Amino acid sequence: MKNQTENLLNVKSVLEQLGVGRTTLWRLTKKENGLPYVRIGSRKLFKVQDIN
């Protein structure tokens, strides 16, 4: 499982990289053609290539 999650960022990391707040990140994921994410359990994870 570790290898599969290496290229994924958690919400806190994405917030730091984008310099936005949680509400803005939530809005970015809700837009049509918005920022894609993967749910693993209760966690939202974002692909590194989608953030850069």
N, C-alpha and C. Protein backbone atom coordinates (compact mmCIF):
# COMPACT_ATOMS: atom_id res chain seq x y z
N MET A 1 0.82 -1.19 0.00
CA MET A 1 0.00 0.00 0.00
C MET A 1 0.87 1.26 0.00
N LYS A 2 2.02 1.19 0.63
CA LYS A 2 2.91 2.35 0.70
C LYS A 2 3.30 2.82 -0.69
N ASN A 3 3.62 1.89 -1.60
CA ASN A 3 4.02 2.27 -2.96
C ASN A 3 2.89 2.98 -3.69
N GLN A 4 1.67 2.58 -3.43
CA GLN A 4 0.53 3.18 -4.11
C GLN A 4 0.25 4.59 -3.62
N THR A 5 0.60 4.90 -2.38
CA THR A 5 0.31 6.22 -1.84
C THR A 5 1.50 7.16 -1.89
N GLU A 6 2.63 6.72 -2.43
CA GLU A 6 3.81 7.58 -2.50
C GLU A 6 3.57 8.83 -3.33
N ASN A 7 2.81 8.71 -4.39
CA ASN A 7 2.58 9.84 -5.29
C ASN A 7 1.31 10.60 -4.94
N LEU A 8 0.84 10.43 -3.71
CA LEU A 8 -0.37 11.11 -3.28
C LEU A 8 -0.05 12.06 -2.13
N LEU A 9 -0.75 13.19 -2.11
CA LEU A 9 -0.58 14.18 -1.05
C LEU A 9 -1.84 14.27 -0.22
N ASN A 10 -1.68 14.47 1.08
CA ASN A 10 -2.85 14.65 1.93
C ASN A 10 -3.32 16.11 1.84
N VAL A 11 -4.44 16.38 2.44
CA VAL A 11 -5.05 17.72 2.36
C VAL A 11 -4.10 18.78 2.90
N LYS A 12 -3.46 18.53 4.03
CA LYS A 12 -2.57 19.52 4.63
C LYS A 12 -1.43 19.88 3.68
N SER A 13 -0.83 18.90 3.03
CA SER A 13 0.25 19.16 2.09
C SER A 13 -0.22 19.98 0.89
N VAL A 14 -1.42 19.67 0.40
CA VAL A 14 -1.97 20.41 -0.74
C VAL A 14 -2.24 21.86 -0.34
N LEU A 15 -2.78 22.07 0.84
CA LEU A 15 -3.03 23.43 1.32
C LEU A 15 -1.74 24.24 1.37
N GLU A 16 -0.67 23.63 1.87
CA GLU A 16 0.62 24.32 1.95
C GLU A 16 1.18 24.62 0.57
N GLN A 17 1.09 23.67 -0.35
CA GLN A 17 1.65 23.86 -1.69
C GLN A 17 0.89 24.90 -2.49
N LEU A 18 -0.44 24.89 -2.37
CA LEU A 18 -1.25 25.84 -3.14
C LEU A 18 -1.40 27.18 -2.44
N GLY A 19 -1.16 27.20 -1.14
CA GLY A 19 -1.30 28.44 -0.38
C GLY A 19 -2.75 28.89 -0.26
N VAL A 20 -3.66 27.93 -0.12
CA VAL A 20 -5.08 28.24 0.01
C VAL A 20 -5.62 27.63 1.30
N GLY A 21 -6.83 28.01 1.67
CA GLY A 21 -7.48 27.47 2.85
C GLY A 21 -8.31 26.25 2.51
N ARG A 22 -8.82 25.59 3.55
CA ARG A 22 -9.63 24.38 3.36
C ARG A 22 -10.88 24.65 2.54
N THR A 23 -11.53 25.78 2.78
CA THR A 23 -12.75 26.09 2.05
C THR A 23 -12.47 26.25 0.56
N THR A 24 -11.39 26.94 0.23
CA THR A 24 -11.02 27.12 -1.18
C THR A 24 -10.70 25.78 -1.82
N LEU A 25 -9.97 24.93 -1.12
CA LEU A 25 -9.65 23.60 -1.66
C LEU A 25 -10.94 22.81 -1.88
N TRP A 26 -11.87 22.87 -0.96
CA TRP A 26 -13.14 22.18 -1.10
C TRP A 26 -13.87 22.68 -2.35
N ARG A 27 -13.88 23.99 -2.55
CA ARG A 27 -14.53 24.56 -3.74
C ARG A 27 -13.85 24.09 -5.02
N LEU A 28 -12.53 24.01 -5.00
CA LEU A 28 -11.79 23.55 -6.18
C LEU A 28 -12.14 22.10 -6.53
N THR A 29 -12.43 21.29 -5.54
CA THR A 29 -12.78 19.89 -5.81
C THR A 29 -14.23 19.75 -6.26
N LYS A 30 -15.08 20.69 -5.92
CA LYS A 30 -16.50 20.60 -6.24
C LYS A 30 -16.85 21.15 -7.62
N LYS A 31 -15.98 21.97 -8.20
CA LYS A 31 -16.24 22.54 -9.52
C LYS A 31 -16.31 21.44 -10.57
N GLU A 32 -17.08 21.69 -11.62
CA GLU A 32 -17.07 20.78 -12.77
C GLU A 32 -15.66 20.84 -13.35
N ASN A 33 -15.09 19.71 -13.66
CA ASN A 33 -13.69 19.62 -14.09
C ASN A 33 -12.75 20.15 -13.02
N GLY A 34 -13.13 20.01 -11.77
CA GLY A 34 -12.33 20.51 -10.66
C GLY A 34 -11.15 19.61 -10.34
N LEU A 35 -10.50 19.92 -9.27
CA LEU A 35 -9.31 19.20 -8.82
C LEU A 35 -9.71 17.78 -8.38
N PRO A 36 -9.19 16.76 -9.07
CA PRO A 36 -9.56 15.38 -8.72
C PRO A 36 -8.84 14.90 -7.46
N TYR A 37 -9.48 14.01 -6.76
CA TYR A 37 -8.88 13.41 -5.57
C TYR A 37 -9.32 11.96 -5.45
N VAL A 38 -8.63 11.24 -4.59
CA VAL A 38 -8.93 9.83 -4.33
C VAL A 38 -9.29 9.71 -2.86
N ARG A 39 -10.33 8.97 -2.56
CA ARG A 39 -10.68 8.72 -1.16
C ARG A 39 -10.16 7.36 -0.76
N ILE A 40 -9.40 7.33 0.31
CA ILE A 40 -8.96 6.07 0.90
C ILE A 40 -9.43 6.11 2.35
N GLY A 41 -10.45 5.35 2.62
CA GLY A 41 -11.10 5.43 3.93
C GLY A 41 -11.75 6.79 4.07
N SER A 42 -11.41 7.51 5.11
CA SER A 42 -11.97 8.84 5.30
C SER A 42 -11.04 9.94 4.80
N ARG A 43 -9.89 9.54 4.25
CA ARG A 43 -8.89 10.53 3.81
C ARG A 43 -9.09 10.89 2.35
N LYS A 44 -8.90 12.17 2.04
CA LYS A 44 -8.85 12.64 0.66
C LYS A 44 -7.39 12.81 0.30
N LEU A 45 -6.98 12.20 -0.80
CA LEU A 45 -5.60 12.29 -1.25
C LEU A 45 -5.58 12.79 -2.68
N PHE A 46 -4.58 13.60 -2.99
CA PHE A 46 -4.47 14.22 -4.30
C PHE A 46 -3.19 13.75 -4.98
N LYS A 47 -3.27 13.49 -6.28
CA LYS A 47 -2.09 13.06 -7.03
C LYS A 47 -1.14 14.24 -7.17
N VAL A 48 0.15 13.98 -6.99
CA VAL A 48 1.17 15.02 -7.06
C VAL A 48 1.11 15.73 -8.41
N GLN A 49 0.97 14.97 -9.51
CA GLN A 49 0.96 15.59 -10.84
C GLN A 49 -0.25 16.49 -11.05
N ASP A 50 -1.35 16.27 -10.34
CA ASP A 50 -2.52 17.15 -10.45
C ASP A 50 -2.30 18.47 -9.72
N ILE A 51 -1.44 18.48 -8.72
CA ILE A 51 -1.18 19.69 -7.94
C ILE A 51 -0.12 20.55 -8.61
N ASN A 52 0.87 19.93 -9.22
CA ASN A 52 1.95 20.68 -9.87
C ASN A 52 1.53 21.04 -11.23
